[in-house]
């Protein structure tokens, strides 16, 4: 949640979720799925740099994936498991 809170302070970010995705070398890498506000633009590098200004460098996401929507449970909470499956490389 710490990384998500940092991302949400960026003016272009509407919502986000952070998950660990499999990686050949590091076992898992911190990955952020981000939905931008309507009409807003931001790059992966910009968002990672934004997080780095607020948190320790090792906490910043290794990758940012832009998505149209974040999966939610029936009660409206972020569904991390569904997002991990959606973002996992095939």
Foldseek 3Di string as FASTA:
>chain_A
DLLQVLLVVDQFFPGKDWDWEQDPPPRTFIEMETETDVPDDDDFVRSQVSSVVPDPNRPGGPTYHYDNDFDADPVGHGDRVVVRVVPYDD
